[in-house]
Amino acid sequence: MDILFAKYGINIVRRDGGIFVSFDAGGIVVQMIEIEITEEESLKAQKSERDAYELIIKLQNEKRPYKKIR
């Protein structure tokens, strides 16, 4: 596992041939989830806090498959 980015409330890692982002998707209680993303999404999220936020909103709206990690 290679950590590609850890800032703006997200962590992006490369693992098993894929790129994954993890972030807190919880409301009152912390609920860390991990979702596979594309290289383009990874690069955009690393540009600014706003871009990272937009990726999180996009992923939540698309309802992509995710894995709870904590």
N, C-alpha and C. Protein backbone atom coordinates (compact mmCIF):
# COMPACT_ATOMS: atom_id res chain seq x y z
N MET A 1 0.85 -1.18 0.00
CA MET A 1 0.00 0.00 0.00
C MET A 1 0.89 1.24 0.00
N ASP A 2 0.65 2.13 -0.93
CA ASP A 2 1.38 3.39 -1.02
C ASP A 2 0.43 4.52 -0.69
N ILE A 3 0.81 5.36 0.27
CA ILE A 3 0.01 6.54 0.60
C ILE A 3 0.36 7.62 -0.42
N LEU A 4 -0.63 8.03 -1.19
CA LEU A 4 -0.42 9.04 -2.22
C LEU A 4 -0.68 10.45 -1.70
N PHE A 5 -1.62 10.58 -0.75
CA PHE A 5 -2.05 11.90 -0.30
C PHE A 5 -2.78 11.77 1.02
N ALA A 6 -2.52 12.69 1.94
CA ALA A 6 -3.22 12.71 3.22
C ALA A 6 -3.36 14.16 3.67
N LYS A 7 -4.44 14.79 3.24
CA LYS A 7 -4.69 16.18 3.57
C LYS A 7 -6.15 16.49 3.25
N TYR A 8 -6.64 17.61 3.73
CA TYR A 8 -8.01 18.06 3.46
C TYR A 8 -9.07 17.08 3.96
N GLY A 9 -8.73 16.26 4.95
CA GLY A 9 -9.71 15.33 5.51
C GLY A 9 -9.88 14.04 4.73
N ILE A 10 -9.00 13.81 3.75
CA ILE A 10 -9.06 12.57 2.98
C ILE A 10 -7.69 11.90 2.96
N ASN A 11 -7.69 10.60 2.76
CA ASN A 11 -6.47 9.83 2.53
C ASN A 11 -6.65 9.11 1.21
N ILE A 12 -5.64 9.19 0.35
CA ILE A 12 -5.67 8.49 -0.92
C ILE A 12 -4.50 7.52 -0.95
N VAL A 13 -4.82 6.25 -1.23
CA VAL A 13 -3.79 5.21 -1.26
C VAL A 13 -3.90 4.41 -2.55
N ARG A 14 -2.76 3.83 -2.94
CA ARG A 14 -2.73 2.90 -4.08
C ARG A 14 -2.51 1.52 -3.49
N ARG A 15 -3.41 0.58 -3.82
CA ARG A 15 -3.34 -0.77 -3.26
C ARG A 15 -3.99 -1.76 -4.22
N ASP A 16 -3.39 -2.90 -4.37
CA ASP A 16 -3.97 -3.98 -5.19
C ASP A 16 -4.37 -3.52 -6.59
N GLY A 17 -3.58 -2.64 -7.17
CA GLY A 17 -3.85 -2.18 -8.52
C GLY A 17 -4.91 -1.11 -8.64
N GLY A 18 -5.41 -0.61 -7.52
CA GLY A 18 -6.45 0.42 -7.54
C GLY A 18 -6.07 1.61 -6.69
N ILE A 19 -6.83 2.68 -6.82
CA ILE A 19 -6.64 3.87 -6.00
C ILE A 19 -7.89 4.03 -5.16
N PHE A 20 -7.70 4.25 -3.86
CA PHE A 20 -8.81 4.33 -2.92
C PHE A 20 -8.72 5.61 -2.11
N VAL A 21 -9.88 6.21 -1.86
CA VAL A 21 -9.95 7.38 -0.99
C VAL A 21 -10.72 6.97 0.26
N SER A 22 -10.26 7.44 1.41
CA SER A 22 -11.01 7.21 2.64
C SER A 22 -11.28 8.57 3.29
N PHE A 23 -12.44 8.64 3.94
CA PHE A 23 -12.85 9.88 4.60
C PHE A 23 -13.95 9.58 5.60
N ASP A 24 -14.22 10.54 6.47
CA ASP A 24 -15.27 10.40 7.47
C ASP A 24 -16.61 10.75 6.83
N ALA A 25 -17.48 9.76 6.70
CA ALA A 25 -18.79 9.97 6.10
C ALA A 25 -19.89 10.04 7.16
N GLY A 26 -19.50 10.03 8.42
CA GLY A 26 -20.47 10.04 9.50
C GLY A 26 -21.00 11.43 9.78
N GLY A 27 -22.09 11.47 10.49
CA GLY A 27 -22.66 12.74 10.91
C GLY A 27 -22.20 13.06 12.31
N ILE A 28 -22.89 12.50 13.29
CA ILE A 28 -22.55 12.72 14.69
C ILE A 28 -21.40 11.81 15.11
N VAL A 29 -21.39 10.61 14.59
CA VAL A 29 -20.38 9.61 14.94
C VAL A 29 -19.44 9.42 13.75
N VAL A 30 -18.15 9.27 14.04
CA VAL A 30 -17.19 9.04 12.97
C VAL A 30 -17.49 7.71 12.28
N GLN A 31 -17.57 7.75 10.96
CA GLN A 31 -17.76 6.54 10.16
C GLN A 31 -16.81 6.64 8.96
N MET A 32 -15.62 6.06 9.11
CA MET A 32 -14.63 6.10 8.05
C MET A 32 -15.00 5.09 6.98
N ILE A 33 -15.03 5.56 5.73
CA ILE A 33 -15.32 4.65 4.62
C ILE A 33 -14.22 4.79 3.56
N GLU A 34 -14.13 3.77 2.72
CA GLU A 34 -13.13 3.75 1.66
C GLU A 34 -13.84 3.41 0.35
N ILE A 35 -13.51 4.17 -0.71
CA ILE A 35 -14.14 4.00 -2.01
C ILE A 35 -13.04 4.01 -3.08
N GLU A 36 -13.16 3.12 -4.06
CA GLU A 36 -12.21 3.12 -5.17
C GLU A 36 -12.52 4.29 -6.10
N ILE A 37 -11.47 5.00 -6.52
CA ILE A 37 -11.62 6.15 -7.40
C ILE A 37 -10.67 6.02 -8.60
N THR A 38 -10.86 6.89 -9.57
CA THR A 38 -10.01 6.89 -10.75
C THR A 38 -8.76 7.74 -10.49
N GLU A 39 -7.79 7.59 -11.36
CA GLU A 39 -6.56 8.41 -11.30
C GLU A 39 -6.92 9.89 -11.43
N GLU A 40 -7.83 10.21 -12.33
CA GLU A 40 -8.24 11.60 -12.54
C GLU A 40 -8.89 12.19 -11.29
N GLU A 41 -9.76 11.41 -10.65
CA GLU A 41 -10.40 11.87 -9.41
C GLU A 41 -9.36 12.08 -8.32
N SER A 42 -8.39 11.20 -8.26
CA SER A 42 -7.32 11.31 -7.28
C SER A 42 -6.54 12.61 -7.47
N LEU A 43 -6.15 12.89 -8.68
CA LEU A 43 -5.37 14.09 -8.96
C LEU A 43 -6.17 15.36 -8.68
N LYS A 44 -7.43 15.36 -9.04
CA LYS A 44 -8.28 16.54 -8.80
C LYS A 44 -8.43 16.80 -7.30
N ALA A 45 -8.66 15.74 -6.53
CA ALA A 45 -8.87 15.89 -5.08
C ALA A 45 -7.64 16.44 -4.38
N GLN A 46 -6.47 16.24 -4.96
CA GLN A 46 -5.23 16.70 -4.34
C GLN A 46 -4.94 18.18 -4.61
N LYS A 47 -5.70 18.80 -5.49
CA LYS A 47 -5.44 20.19 -5.87
C LYS A 47 -5.79 21.19 -4.78
N SER A 48 -6.93 20.99 -4.13
CA SER A 48 -7.37 21.96 -3.12
C SER A 48 -8.39 21.33 -2.19
N GLU A 49 -8.63 22.01 -1.08
CA GLU A 49 -9.64 21.55 -0.14
C GLU A 49 -11.01 21.49 -0.80
N ARG A 50 -11.30 22.48 -1.62
CA ARG A 50 -12.60 22.52 -2.32
C ARG A 50 -12.74 21.33 -3.27
N ASP A 51 -11.69 21.00 -4.01
CA ASP A 51 -11.74 19.86 -4.93
C ASP A 51 -11.93 18.56 -4.16
N ALA A 52 -11.28 18.43 -3.01
CA ALA A 52 -11.45 17.22 -2.18
C ALA A 52 -12.90 17.12 -1.70
N TYR A 53 -13.46 18.25 -1.26
CA TYR A 53 -14.85 18.28 -0.81
C TYR A 53 -15.80 17.90 -1.95
N GLU A 54 -15.56 18.45 -3.14
CA GLU A 54 -16.41 18.13 -4.29
C GLU A 54 -16.36 16.64 -4.63
N LEU A 55 -15.18 16.02 -4.49
CA LEU A 55 -15.08 14.58 -4.74
C LEU A 55 -15.91 13.80 -3.73
N ILE A 56 -15.83 14.17 -2.46
CA ILE A 56 -16.61 13.48 -1.43
C ILE A 56 -18.10 13.57 -1.73
N ILE A 57 -18.57 14.76 -2.06
CA ILE A 57 -19.99 14.95 -2.38
C ILE A 57 -20.37 14.12 -3.60
N LYS A 58 -19.54 14.14 -4.63
CA LYS A 58 -19.80 13.36 -5.84
C LYS A 58 -19.90 11.87 -5.52
N LEU A 59 -18.98 11.35 -4.74
CA LEU A 59 -18.98 9.93 -4.40
C LEU A 59 -20.22 9.55 -3.59
N GLN A 60 -20.61 10.40 -2.66
CA GLN A 60 -21.80 10.12 -1.86
C GLN A 60 -23.06 10.16 -2.71
N ASN A 61 -23.14 11.08 -3.65
CA ASN A 61 -24.32 11.18 -4.52
C ASN A 61 -24.41 10.03 -5.51
N GLU A 62 -23.26 9.53 -5.96
CA GLU A 62 -23.25 8.40 -6.90
C GLU A 62 -23.55 7.08 -6.21
N LYS A 63 -23.43 7.06 -4.90
CA LYS A 63 -23.68 5.85 -4.11
C LYS A 63 -22.82 4.68 -4.60
N ARG A 64 -21.54 4.96 -4.82
CA ARG A 64 -20.60 3.91 -5.22
C ARG A 64 -20.43 2.92 -4.08
N PRO A 65 -20.07 1.70 -4.41
CA PRO A 65 -19.80 0.71 -3.35
C PRO A 65 -18.66 1.20 -2.46
N TYR A 66 -18.80 0.96 -1.17
CA TYR A 66 -17.76 1.39 -0.23
C TYR A 66 -17.55 0.33 0.82
N LYS A 67 -16.47 0.51 1.57
CA LYS A 67 -16.14 -0.40 2.66
C LYS A 67 -15.95 0.43 3.91
N LYS A 68 -16.61 0.05 5.01
CA LYS A 68 -16.38 0.71 6.29
C LYS A 68 -15.02 0.26 6.80
N ILE A 69 -14.22 1.21 7.24
CA ILE A 69 -12.89 0.83 7.72
C ILE A 69 -12.69 1.13 9.20
N ARG A 70 -13.58 1.84 9.82
CA ARG A 70 -13.54 2.06 11.27
C ARG A 70 -14.90 2.41 11.77
